[in-house]
N, C-alpha and C. Protein backbone atom coordinates (compact mmCIF):
# COMPACT_ATOMS: atom_id res chain seq x y z
N MET A 1 20.57 -8.78 -39.00
CA MET A 1 20.18 -8.93 -37.62
C MET A 1 20.53 -10.34 -37.17
N SER A 2 21.15 -10.44 -36.03
CA SER A 2 21.56 -11.75 -35.55
C SER A 2 20.55 -12.29 -34.54
N ALA A 3 20.64 -13.57 -34.28
CA ALA A 3 19.74 -14.22 -33.32
C ALA A 3 20.01 -13.72 -31.91
N GLU A 4 21.27 -13.35 -31.63
CA GLU A 4 21.61 -12.89 -30.28
C GLU A 4 20.94 -11.57 -29.96
N SER A 5 20.91 -10.66 -30.93
CA SER A 5 20.29 -9.35 -30.66
C SER A 5 18.79 -9.49 -30.48
N THR A 6 18.15 -10.38 -31.23
CA THR A 6 16.72 -10.59 -31.07
C THR A 6 16.41 -11.21 -29.71
N GLY A 7 17.23 -12.17 -29.30
CA GLY A 7 17.02 -12.81 -28.00
C GLY A 7 17.23 -11.85 -26.85
N SER A 8 18.27 -11.02 -26.94
CA SER A 8 18.52 -10.07 -25.85
C SER A 8 17.45 -9.00 -25.80
N ARG A 9 16.90 -8.63 -26.95
CA ARG A 9 15.82 -7.64 -26.97
C ARG A 9 14.57 -8.20 -26.33
N GLY A 10 14.28 -9.49 -26.59
CA GLY A 10 13.12 -10.13 -25.96
C GLY A 10 13.29 -10.25 -24.45
N PHE A 11 14.52 -10.57 -24.02
CA PHE A 11 14.79 -10.65 -22.58
C PHE A 11 14.63 -9.28 -21.93
N THR A 12 15.12 -8.24 -22.57
CA THR A 12 14.99 -6.89 -22.03
C THR A 12 13.54 -6.47 -21.95
N TYR A 13 12.76 -6.83 -22.95
CA TYR A 13 11.33 -6.51 -22.95
C TYR A 13 10.63 -7.15 -21.76
N TRP A 14 10.87 -8.44 -21.53
CA TRP A 14 10.21 -9.13 -20.42
C TRP A 14 10.74 -8.66 -19.07
N ARG A 15 12.01 -8.31 -19.01
CA ARG A 15 12.58 -7.80 -17.77
C ARG A 15 11.96 -6.46 -17.42
N LEU A 16 11.77 -5.59 -18.42
CA LEU A 16 11.14 -4.29 -18.16
C LEU A 16 9.67 -4.44 -17.79
N ARG A 17 8.98 -5.38 -18.43
CA ARG A 17 7.57 -5.63 -18.06
C ARG A 17 7.46 -6.15 -16.64
N PHE A 18 8.38 -7.03 -16.25
CA PHE A 18 8.38 -7.55 -14.88
C PHE A 18 8.67 -6.43 -13.89
N ARG A 19 9.57 -5.52 -14.24
CA ARG A 19 9.90 -4.41 -13.36
C ARG A 19 8.68 -3.50 -13.15
N VAL A 20 7.93 -3.24 -14.20
CA VAL A 20 6.71 -2.43 -14.07
C VAL A 20 5.67 -3.16 -13.23
N TRP A 21 5.50 -4.47 -13.48
CA TRP A 21 4.54 -5.26 -12.70
C TRP A 21 4.92 -5.28 -11.23
N ARG A 22 6.21 -5.46 -10.96
CA ARG A 22 6.70 -5.51 -9.59
C ARG A 22 6.54 -4.17 -8.88
N GLY A 23 6.65 -3.07 -9.60
CA GLY A 23 6.55 -1.74 -9.00
C GLY A 23 5.13 -1.35 -8.62
N ASN A 24 4.13 -2.04 -9.15
CA ASN A 24 2.73 -1.68 -8.88
C ASN A 24 2.10 -2.50 -7.77
N ARG A 25 2.88 -3.23 -7.01
CA ARG A 25 2.34 -4.08 -5.95
C ARG A 25 3.42 -4.32 -4.90
N PRO A 26 3.04 -4.77 -3.71
CA PRO A 26 4.05 -5.04 -2.68
C PRO A 26 4.76 -6.37 -2.96
N PHE A 27 5.65 -6.37 -3.92
CA PHE A 27 6.27 -7.60 -4.40
C PHE A 27 7.13 -8.26 -3.33
N TRP A 28 8.01 -7.50 -2.70
CA TRP A 28 8.93 -8.09 -1.72
C TRP A 28 8.18 -8.55 -0.49
N ALA A 29 7.12 -7.85 -0.11
CA ALA A 29 6.31 -8.29 1.03
C ALA A 29 5.66 -9.63 0.72
N GLY A 30 5.12 -9.78 -0.49
CA GLY A 30 4.51 -11.05 -0.88
C GLY A 30 5.53 -12.18 -0.95
N LEU A 31 6.74 -11.86 -1.43
CA LEU A 31 7.77 -12.89 -1.53
C LEU A 31 8.21 -13.36 -0.14
N LEU A 32 8.42 -12.44 0.79
CA LEU A 32 8.82 -12.83 2.14
C LEU A 32 7.72 -13.62 2.85
N THR A 33 6.47 -13.20 2.66
CA THR A 33 5.36 -13.92 3.28
C THR A 33 5.25 -15.33 2.71
N LEU A 34 5.38 -15.43 1.41
CA LEU A 34 5.32 -16.74 0.75
C LEU A 34 6.46 -17.63 1.23
N LEU A 35 7.67 -17.09 1.32
CA LEU A 35 8.81 -17.87 1.79
C LEU A 35 8.68 -18.21 3.28
N GLY A 36 8.00 -17.36 4.05
CA GLY A 36 7.77 -17.66 5.46
C GLY A 36 6.81 -18.82 5.66
N GLY A 37 5.89 -19.01 4.73
CA GLY A 37 4.93 -20.11 4.86
C GLY A 37 5.53 -21.47 4.56
N VAL A 38 6.61 -21.51 3.79
CA VAL A 38 7.20 -22.80 3.39
C VAL A 38 7.78 -23.56 4.59
N PRO A 39 8.66 -22.97 5.41
CA PRO A 39 9.17 -23.77 6.54
C PRO A 39 8.11 -24.07 7.59
N ILE A 40 7.14 -23.18 7.73
CA ILE A 40 6.08 -23.44 8.72
C ILE A 40 5.27 -24.66 8.30
N ALA A 41 4.99 -24.79 7.00
CA ALA A 41 4.20 -25.92 6.53
C ALA A 41 5.04 -27.19 6.40
N TYR A 42 6.32 -27.08 6.08
CA TYR A 42 7.13 -28.27 5.78
C TYR A 42 7.72 -28.93 7.02
N LEU A 43 8.22 -28.16 7.97
CA LEU A 43 8.99 -28.73 9.07
C LEU A 43 8.24 -29.74 9.93
N PRO A 44 6.94 -29.55 10.23
CA PRO A 44 6.28 -30.60 11.03
C PRO A 44 6.16 -31.94 10.31
N TYR A 45 6.28 -31.96 8.99
CA TYR A 45 6.16 -33.21 8.24
C TYR A 45 7.51 -33.73 7.76
N GLY A 46 8.54 -32.93 7.88
CA GLY A 46 9.84 -33.34 7.37
C GLY A 46 10.67 -34.02 8.45
N ASP A 47 11.73 -34.65 8.01
CA ASP A 47 12.68 -35.24 8.94
C ASP A 47 14.08 -35.02 8.39
N MET A 48 15.03 -34.99 9.29
CA MET A 48 16.42 -34.76 8.90
C MET A 48 17.22 -36.02 9.20
N ARG A 49 18.19 -36.31 8.36
CA ARG A 49 19.03 -37.49 8.56
C ARG A 49 20.45 -37.02 8.86
N LEU A 50 20.94 -37.46 9.97
CA LEU A 50 22.32 -37.20 10.36
C LEU A 50 23.04 -38.55 10.44
N GLY A 51 23.69 -38.89 9.36
CA GLY A 51 24.34 -40.22 9.30
C GLY A 51 23.29 -41.31 9.28
N ASN A 52 23.31 -42.20 10.27
CA ASN A 52 22.34 -43.28 10.38
C ASN A 52 21.14 -42.91 11.25
N MET A 53 21.16 -41.70 11.79
CA MET A 53 20.10 -41.28 12.70
C MET A 53 19.11 -40.37 11.97
N THR A 54 17.83 -40.63 12.16
CA THR A 54 16.77 -39.81 11.58
C THR A 54 16.13 -38.99 12.69
N ILE A 55 16.07 -37.69 12.47
CA ILE A 55 15.46 -36.79 13.45
C ILE A 55 14.13 -36.31 12.88
N ALA A 56 13.05 -36.66 13.56
CA ALA A 56 11.72 -36.23 13.14
C ALA A 56 11.32 -35.01 13.97
N ILE A 57 10.87 -33.97 13.29
CA ILE A 57 10.48 -32.74 13.97
C ILE A 57 8.96 -32.68 14.05
N ALA A 58 8.29 -33.75 13.79
CA ALA A 58 6.83 -33.78 13.76
C ALA A 58 6.25 -33.43 15.12
N THR A 59 5.16 -32.70 15.09
CA THR A 59 4.46 -32.32 16.31
C THR A 59 3.04 -32.85 16.26
N THR A 60 2.34 -32.72 17.37
CA THR A 60 0.95 -33.16 17.39
C THR A 60 0.05 -32.21 16.61
N ALA A 61 0.50 -31.01 16.39
CA ALA A 61 -0.32 -30.01 15.67
C ALA A 61 0.14 -29.89 14.22
N GLY A 62 0.45 -31.00 13.59
CA GLY A 62 0.93 -30.97 12.21
C GLY A 62 -0.07 -30.40 11.23
N ALA A 63 -1.35 -30.74 11.40
CA ALA A 63 -2.37 -30.21 10.49
C ALA A 63 -2.51 -28.70 10.65
N GLY A 64 -2.42 -28.21 11.88
CA GLY A 64 -2.50 -26.76 12.11
C GLY A 64 -1.35 -26.02 11.47
N ALA A 65 -0.16 -26.61 11.56
CA ALA A 65 1.01 -25.99 10.94
C ALA A 65 0.87 -25.98 9.42
N LEU A 66 0.34 -27.05 8.86
CA LEU A 66 0.13 -27.10 7.42
C LEU A 66 -0.87 -26.04 6.98
N ILE A 67 -1.94 -25.88 7.72
CA ILE A 67 -2.94 -24.86 7.38
C ILE A 67 -2.34 -23.46 7.46
N ILE A 68 -1.57 -23.19 8.51
CA ILE A 68 -0.95 -21.87 8.65
C ILE A 68 0.02 -21.61 7.50
N GLY A 69 0.82 -22.61 7.16
CA GLY A 69 1.77 -22.44 6.06
C GLY A 69 1.09 -22.20 4.73
N VAL A 70 0.04 -22.97 4.45
CA VAL A 70 -0.69 -22.79 3.19
C VAL A 70 -1.37 -21.42 3.15
N LEU A 71 -1.92 -20.98 4.29
CA LEU A 71 -2.54 -19.65 4.33
C LEU A 71 -1.51 -18.55 4.12
N LEU A 72 -0.31 -18.69 4.67
CA LEU A 72 0.73 -17.69 4.45
C LEU A 72 1.16 -17.65 2.99
N ILE A 73 1.28 -18.81 2.36
CA ILE A 73 1.60 -18.84 0.93
C ILE A 73 0.50 -18.17 0.12
N THR A 74 -0.75 -18.44 0.48
CA THR A 74 -1.89 -17.81 -0.20
C THR A 74 -1.89 -16.30 0.00
N LEU A 75 -1.58 -15.85 1.21
CA LEU A 75 -1.53 -14.41 1.47
C LEU A 75 -0.40 -13.75 0.68
N GLY A 76 0.73 -14.44 0.54
CA GLY A 76 1.81 -13.89 -0.28
C GLY A 76 1.40 -13.72 -1.73
N LEU A 77 0.70 -14.71 -2.27
CA LEU A 77 0.19 -14.60 -3.64
C LEU A 77 -0.89 -13.53 -3.76
N THR A 78 -1.70 -13.37 -2.70
CA THR A 78 -2.72 -12.33 -2.70
C THR A 78 -2.08 -10.95 -2.74
N MET A 79 -0.99 -10.76 -2.02
CA MET A 79 -0.29 -9.46 -2.07
C MET A 79 0.20 -9.16 -3.47
N TRP A 80 0.57 -10.18 -4.22
CA TRP A 80 1.05 -9.98 -5.59
C TRP A 80 -0.08 -9.68 -6.56
N PHE A 81 -1.16 -10.46 -6.49
CA PHE A 81 -2.16 -10.38 -7.54
C PHE A 81 -3.40 -9.57 -7.15
N GLN A 82 -3.56 -9.22 -5.89
CA GLN A 82 -4.65 -8.36 -5.43
C GLN A 82 -4.09 -7.32 -4.47
N PRO A 83 -3.29 -6.37 -4.96
CA PRO A 83 -2.64 -5.42 -4.04
C PRO A 83 -3.61 -4.50 -3.32
N ILE A 84 -4.86 -4.47 -3.72
CA ILE A 84 -5.84 -3.61 -3.05
C ILE A 84 -6.12 -4.09 -1.62
N VAL A 85 -5.93 -5.38 -1.35
CA VAL A 85 -6.19 -5.93 -0.01
C VAL A 85 -4.88 -6.16 0.74
N ARG A 86 -3.87 -5.35 0.44
CA ARG A 86 -2.55 -5.54 1.03
C ARG A 86 -2.55 -5.35 2.54
N VAL A 87 -3.37 -4.42 3.06
CA VAL A 87 -3.40 -4.17 4.51
C VAL A 87 -3.99 -5.38 5.23
N PHE A 88 -5.10 -5.90 4.72
CA PHE A 88 -5.70 -7.10 5.33
C PHE A 88 -4.72 -8.27 5.25
N ALA A 89 -4.10 -8.46 4.10
CA ALA A 89 -3.16 -9.58 3.94
C ALA A 89 -1.97 -9.41 4.87
N GLY A 90 -1.50 -8.20 5.07
CA GLY A 90 -0.38 -7.97 5.97
C GLY A 90 -0.73 -8.25 7.42
N VAL A 91 -1.90 -7.80 7.85
CA VAL A 91 -2.32 -8.06 9.23
C VAL A 91 -2.53 -9.56 9.44
N ALA A 92 -3.14 -10.22 8.47
CA ALA A 92 -3.37 -11.66 8.58
C ALA A 92 -2.04 -12.43 8.60
N ALA A 93 -1.05 -11.98 7.82
CA ALA A 93 0.25 -12.64 7.82
C ALA A 93 0.94 -12.48 9.18
N ILE A 94 0.82 -11.31 9.78
CA ILE A 94 1.43 -11.10 11.10
C ILE A 94 0.75 -11.99 12.16
N VAL A 95 -0.58 -12.03 12.11
CA VAL A 95 -1.31 -12.86 13.09
C VAL A 95 -0.97 -14.34 12.91
N LEU A 96 -0.94 -14.81 11.67
CA LEU A 96 -0.60 -16.21 11.43
C LEU A 96 0.85 -16.51 11.81
N GLY A 97 1.74 -15.55 11.59
CA GLY A 97 3.12 -15.75 12.02
C GLY A 97 3.23 -15.89 13.53
N LEU A 98 2.46 -15.08 14.26
CA LEU A 98 2.46 -15.18 15.72
C LEU A 98 1.84 -16.49 16.20
N VAL A 99 0.80 -16.94 15.52
CA VAL A 99 0.15 -18.20 15.90
C VAL A 99 1.07 -19.38 15.60
N SER A 100 1.95 -19.22 14.63
CA SER A 100 2.81 -20.35 14.26
C SER A 100 3.86 -20.65 15.32
N ILE A 101 4.11 -19.74 16.25
CA ILE A 101 5.13 -20.01 17.28
C ILE A 101 4.75 -21.22 18.13
N PRO A 102 3.56 -21.27 18.71
CA PRO A 102 3.25 -22.48 19.50
C PRO A 102 2.83 -23.67 18.65
N VAL A 103 2.34 -23.42 17.44
CA VAL A 103 1.77 -24.52 16.65
C VAL A 103 2.83 -25.24 15.84
N SER A 104 3.78 -24.53 15.27
CA SER A 104 4.68 -25.13 14.29
C SER A 104 6.14 -24.98 14.69
N ASN A 105 6.57 -25.66 15.74
CA ASN A 105 7.98 -25.69 16.12
C ASN A 105 8.61 -24.31 16.16
N PHE A 106 8.08 -23.47 17.01
CA PHE A 106 8.57 -22.10 17.13
C PHE A 106 8.53 -21.36 15.80
N GLY A 107 7.43 -21.49 15.09
CA GLY A 107 7.24 -20.77 13.84
C GLY A 107 8.19 -21.20 12.76
N GLY A 108 8.31 -22.49 12.55
CA GLY A 108 9.21 -22.98 11.51
C GLY A 108 10.65 -22.71 11.88
N LEU A 109 11.01 -23.04 13.10
CA LEU A 109 12.35 -22.79 13.65
C LEU A 109 12.71 -21.31 13.54
N VAL A 110 11.77 -20.45 13.83
CA VAL A 110 11.88 -18.99 13.88
C VAL A 110 12.07 -18.37 12.50
N ILE A 111 12.51 -19.13 11.51
CA ILE A 111 12.74 -18.58 10.17
C ILE A 111 11.41 -18.17 9.54
N GLY A 112 10.45 -19.06 9.52
CA GLY A 112 9.14 -18.74 8.94
C GLY A 112 8.43 -17.65 9.71
N PHE A 113 8.57 -17.66 11.03
CA PHE A 113 7.96 -16.63 11.86
C PHE A 113 8.49 -15.25 11.49
N LEU A 114 9.81 -15.10 11.42
CA LEU A 114 10.41 -13.80 11.11
C LEU A 114 10.07 -13.35 9.68
N LEU A 115 10.14 -14.28 8.73
CA LEU A 115 9.82 -13.91 7.34
C LEU A 115 8.37 -13.45 7.21
N SER A 116 7.44 -14.13 7.86
CA SER A 116 6.03 -13.73 7.74
C SER A 116 5.77 -12.42 8.48
N LEU A 117 6.45 -12.18 9.60
CA LEU A 117 6.28 -10.92 10.31
C LEU A 117 6.82 -9.74 9.48
N ILE A 118 8.00 -9.90 8.92
CA ILE A 118 8.58 -8.82 8.11
C ILE A 118 7.76 -8.60 6.84
N GLY A 119 7.34 -9.69 6.18
CA GLY A 119 6.52 -9.56 4.98
C GLY A 119 5.19 -8.90 5.27
N GLY A 120 4.53 -9.27 6.38
CA GLY A 120 3.26 -8.63 6.73
C GLY A 120 3.43 -7.15 7.03
N GLY A 121 4.49 -6.80 7.75
CA GLY A 121 4.75 -5.39 8.04
C GLY A 121 5.04 -4.59 6.79
N MET A 122 5.79 -5.17 5.86
CA MET A 122 6.07 -4.48 4.61
C MET A 122 4.82 -4.30 3.78
N SER A 123 3.92 -5.29 3.83
CA SER A 123 2.67 -5.18 3.08
C SER A 123 1.78 -4.07 3.63
N ILE A 124 1.74 -3.94 4.96
CA ILE A 124 0.93 -2.87 5.55
C ILE A 124 1.52 -1.51 5.21
N ALA A 125 2.84 -1.40 5.21
CA ALA A 125 3.50 -0.11 5.00
C ALA A 125 3.58 0.29 3.53
N TRP A 126 3.38 -0.64 2.61
CA TRP A 126 3.53 -0.33 1.19
C TRP A 126 2.41 0.59 0.73
N ALA A 127 2.74 1.55 -0.12
CA ALA A 127 1.74 2.43 -0.72
C ALA A 127 2.08 2.59 -2.19
N PRO A 128 1.08 2.73 -3.04
CA PRO A 128 1.36 2.90 -4.47
C PRO A 128 2.14 4.19 -4.70
N GLY A 129 3.02 4.15 -5.67
CA GLY A 129 3.83 5.33 -5.99
C GLY A 129 3.00 6.43 -6.64
N VAL A 130 3.46 7.67 -6.46
CA VAL A 130 2.80 8.82 -7.06
C VAL A 130 3.44 9.05 -8.43
N PRO A 131 2.64 9.25 -9.48
CA PRO A 131 3.23 9.48 -10.79
C PRO A 131 4.05 10.77 -10.79
N VAL A 132 5.16 10.73 -11.51
CA VAL A 132 6.06 11.87 -11.58
C VAL A 132 5.46 12.92 -12.51
N GLU A 133 5.43 14.17 -12.03
CA GLU A 133 4.90 15.25 -12.86
C GLU A 133 5.98 15.70 -13.84
N GLU A 134 5.53 16.08 -15.02
CA GLU A 134 6.46 16.53 -16.04
C GLU A 134 6.81 17.99 -15.79
N SER A 135 8.06 18.33 -16.10
CA SER A 135 8.46 19.74 -16.01
C SER A 135 7.90 20.47 -17.23
N PRO A 136 7.83 21.80 -17.19
CA PRO A 136 7.30 22.54 -18.35
C PRO A 136 8.10 22.28 -19.62
N GLU A 137 9.41 22.08 -19.48
CA GLU A 137 10.22 21.81 -20.67
C GLU A 137 9.85 20.48 -21.30
N GLN A 138 9.63 19.45 -20.45
CA GLN A 138 9.25 18.15 -20.97
C GLN A 138 7.86 18.19 -21.59
N ALA A 139 6.95 18.94 -21.00
CA ALA A 139 5.60 19.05 -21.55
C ALA A 139 5.63 19.74 -22.90
N ALA A 140 6.48 20.77 -23.05
CA ALA A 140 6.56 21.48 -24.33
C ALA A 140 7.16 20.59 -25.40
N GLU A 141 8.12 19.74 -25.02
CA GLU A 141 8.71 18.83 -25.99
C GLU A 141 7.74 17.72 -26.37
N ALA A 142 6.93 17.26 -25.42
CA ALA A 142 6.02 16.14 -25.68
C ALA A 142 4.89 16.55 -26.60
N ALA A 143 4.36 17.75 -26.42
CA ALA A 143 3.23 18.20 -27.23
C ALA A 143 3.54 19.58 -27.81
N PRO A 144 4.28 19.67 -28.92
CA PRO A 144 4.58 20.98 -29.50
C PRO A 144 3.31 21.64 -30.02
N GLY A 145 3.19 22.92 -29.78
CA GLY A 145 2.01 23.66 -30.25
C GLY A 145 0.92 23.73 -29.20
N GLU A 146 0.95 22.88 -28.21
CA GLU A 146 -0.04 22.92 -27.15
C GLU A 146 0.62 23.48 -25.91
N HIS A 147 0.00 24.47 -25.31
CA HIS A 147 0.55 25.05 -24.08
C HIS A 147 -0.59 25.46 -23.18
N GLU A 148 -0.27 25.67 -21.93
CA GLU A 148 -1.29 26.04 -20.96
C GLU A 148 -1.62 27.52 -21.08
N TYR A 149 -2.84 27.88 -20.73
CA TYR A 149 -3.27 29.26 -20.77
C TYR A 149 -2.69 29.99 -19.57
N ASP A 150 -1.97 31.07 -19.83
CA ASP A 150 -1.33 31.80 -18.75
C ASP A 150 -2.09 33.06 -18.33
N GLY A 151 -3.28 33.28 -18.87
CA GLY A 151 -4.09 34.42 -18.47
C GLY A 151 -3.84 35.67 -19.30
N GLN A 152 -2.87 35.65 -20.18
CA GLN A 152 -2.56 36.80 -21.02
C GLN A 152 -3.22 36.61 -22.38
N PRO A 153 -3.77 37.69 -22.95
CA PRO A 153 -4.36 37.57 -24.28
C PRO A 153 -3.28 37.24 -25.31
N GLU A 154 -3.62 36.40 -26.27
CA GLU A 154 -2.64 35.95 -27.25
C GLU A 154 -2.54 36.89 -28.44
N GLY A 155 -3.60 37.53 -28.81
CA GLY A 155 -3.56 38.39 -29.98
C GLY A 155 -4.49 39.57 -29.81
N PRO A 156 -4.58 40.44 -30.85
CA PRO A 156 -5.43 41.62 -30.73
C PRO A 156 -6.91 41.26 -30.62
N GLY A 157 -7.33 40.16 -31.19
CA GLY A 157 -8.73 39.76 -31.09
C GLY A 157 -9.10 39.29 -29.69
N ASP A 158 -8.12 38.76 -28.97
CA ASP A 158 -8.38 38.26 -27.63
C ASP A 158 -8.39 39.37 -26.59
N ALA A 159 -7.84 40.53 -26.91
CA ALA A 159 -7.76 41.61 -25.93
C ALA A 159 -9.15 42.12 -25.55
N GLU A 160 -10.07 42.11 -26.50
CA GLU A 160 -11.42 42.58 -26.20
C GLU A 160 -12.15 41.62 -25.26
N GLY A 161 -11.97 40.33 -25.48
CA GLY A 161 -12.65 39.34 -24.66
C GLY A 161 -12.01 39.15 -23.30
N ALA A 162 -10.75 39.58 -23.16
CA ALA A 162 -10.05 39.37 -21.89
C ALA A 162 -10.63 40.25 -20.79
N GLU A 163 -11.17 41.43 -21.17
CA GLU A 163 -11.73 42.32 -20.15
C GLU A 163 -12.98 41.72 -19.51
N ALA A 164 -13.71 40.91 -20.24
CA ALA A 164 -14.94 40.34 -19.71
C ALA A 164 -14.65 39.26 -18.66
N PHE A 165 -13.44 38.72 -18.65
CA PHE A 165 -13.12 37.63 -17.74
C PHE A 165 -12.28 38.07 -16.55
N GLU A 166 -12.23 39.36 -16.26
CA GLU A 166 -11.48 39.82 -15.11
C GLU A 166 -12.21 39.40 -13.84
N PRO A 167 -11.48 39.05 -12.80
CA PRO A 167 -12.14 38.61 -11.57
C PRO A 167 -12.87 39.76 -10.88
N VAL A 168 -14.02 39.45 -10.34
CA VAL A 168 -14.83 40.42 -9.62
C VAL A 168 -14.52 40.29 -8.14
N PRO A 169 -14.18 41.40 -7.46
CA PRO A 169 -13.89 41.27 -6.03
C PRO A 169 -15.13 40.89 -5.24
N VAL A 170 -14.96 39.97 -4.32
CA VAL A 170 -16.06 39.50 -3.48
C VAL A 170 -15.96 40.20 -2.14
N PRO A 171 -17.05 40.85 -1.70
CA PRO A 171 -16.98 41.54 -0.40
C PRO A 171 -16.88 40.52 0.73
N ILE A 172 -16.06 40.85 1.71
CA ILE A 172 -15.87 40.00 2.88
C ILE A 172 -16.59 40.64 4.05
N PRO A 173 -17.45 39.94 4.75
CA PRO A 173 -18.17 40.54 5.87
C PRO A 173 -17.21 40.89 7.00
N GLU A 174 -17.50 41.99 7.65
CA GLU A 174 -16.65 42.42 8.75
C GLU A 174 -16.97 41.62 10.00
N GLN A 175 -15.96 41.46 10.84
CA GLN A 175 -16.18 40.74 12.08
C GLN A 175 -16.80 41.67 13.10
N GLN A 176 -17.67 41.14 13.91
CA GLN A 176 -18.31 41.94 14.94
C GLN A 176 -17.45 41.94 16.19
N SER A 177 -17.49 43.05 16.88
CA SER A 177 -16.72 43.12 18.12
C SER A 177 -17.46 42.35 19.21
N GLY A 178 -16.81 42.16 20.34
CA GLY A 178 -17.38 41.37 21.43
C GLY A 178 -18.69 41.93 21.96
N SER A 179 -18.84 43.26 22.05
CA SER A 179 -20.06 43.85 22.61
C SER A 179 -21.21 43.80 21.61
N ASP A 180 -20.89 43.83 20.30
CA ASP A 180 -21.94 43.82 19.28
C ASP A 180 -22.42 42.41 18.97
N ALA A 181 -21.63 41.42 19.28
CA ALA A 181 -21.99 40.05 18.93
C ALA A 181 -23.17 39.59 19.76
N GLN A 182 -24.04 38.83 19.13
CA GLN A 182 -25.19 38.30 19.85
C GLN A 182 -24.76 37.11 20.67
N ALA A 183 -24.97 37.19 21.95
CA ALA A 183 -24.60 36.09 22.83
C ALA A 183 -25.81 35.20 23.04
N THR A 184 -25.58 33.92 22.94
CA THR A 184 -26.67 32.98 23.20
C THR A 184 -26.34 32.21 24.45
N ASP A 185 -27.32 32.06 25.30
CA ASP A 185 -27.13 31.33 26.54
C ASP A 185 -27.91 30.04 26.43
N THR A 186 -27.18 28.95 26.33
CA THR A 186 -27.85 27.66 26.17
C THR A 186 -28.15 27.02 27.50
N THR A 187 -27.71 27.63 28.60
CA THR A 187 -27.92 27.02 29.92
C THR A 187 -28.92 27.82 30.75
N ILE A 188 -29.94 28.40 30.09
CA ILE A 188 -30.92 29.18 30.81
C ILE A 188 -31.69 28.30 31.80
N ASP A 189 -32.07 27.12 31.34
CA ASP A 189 -32.86 26.22 32.17
C ASP A 189 -32.01 25.34 33.07
N ALA A 190 -30.72 25.65 33.17
CA ALA A 190 -29.84 24.82 34.00
C ALA A 190 -30.13 25.07 35.46
N ASN A 191 -30.18 23.99 36.21
CA ASN A 191 -30.49 24.09 37.62
C ASN A 191 -29.24 23.65 38.40
N GLY A 192 -28.37 24.62 38.68
CA GLY A 192 -27.16 24.29 39.43
C GLY A 192 -26.21 23.40 38.64
N GLY A 193 -26.21 23.50 37.32
CA GLY A 193 -25.33 22.68 36.50
C GLY A 193 -25.96 21.38 36.06
N ARG A 194 -27.17 21.08 36.58
CA ARG A 194 -27.85 19.84 36.19
C ARG A 194 -29.06 20.17 35.34
N ASN A 195 -29.16 19.54 34.20
CA ASN A 195 -30.31 19.73 33.32
C ASN A 195 -31.29 18.60 33.55
N SER A 196 -32.56 18.96 33.45
CA SER A 196 -33.56 17.92 33.58
C SER A 196 -34.04 17.52 32.20
N ALA A 197 -34.05 16.24 31.96
CA ALA A 197 -34.53 15.74 30.68
C ALA A 197 -36.02 15.51 30.82
N GLY A 198 -36.79 16.09 29.87
CA GLY A 198 -38.23 16.14 29.93
C GLY A 198 -38.90 14.87 29.88
């Protein structure tokens, strides 16, 4: 056995574990929400240099933008590690993305706004997958000797007991015709359509 085969087997193991982990939660929604929070939190405090000129994008609401960005990053992590609250996290991400438009330079120059809106919508729409049912052939291969009861007796000893388990017909009541049905009048005390409360 070579070191390369052991290393590739370990990588495959972790890759498959990550794939299973990613499939059980709104992974892409959390990633987009997390990435949407980064420009919203960073841009009010950052500056760009163009040659000898420094452009500051700082606003008066820098603390608000930082809070919104940190909350979006937290919501993205919440979607990953607590997928049960994905709907709340998605709605909160959408609301914070909308609030970031006036607070944080048009929502992190629209990039953070769009990422948080798409991530929040994906989180709301995500639903856990339904387990795949096995076909009868796969079930027979998985558990040889075990099979489902099909209602037929298996041997001569079971034929005697099978008669005791036959379904008993249940009588169904007949419907009454319109003239035979008992009519109830709940508006006997009605006075011209108006009822008096006692």
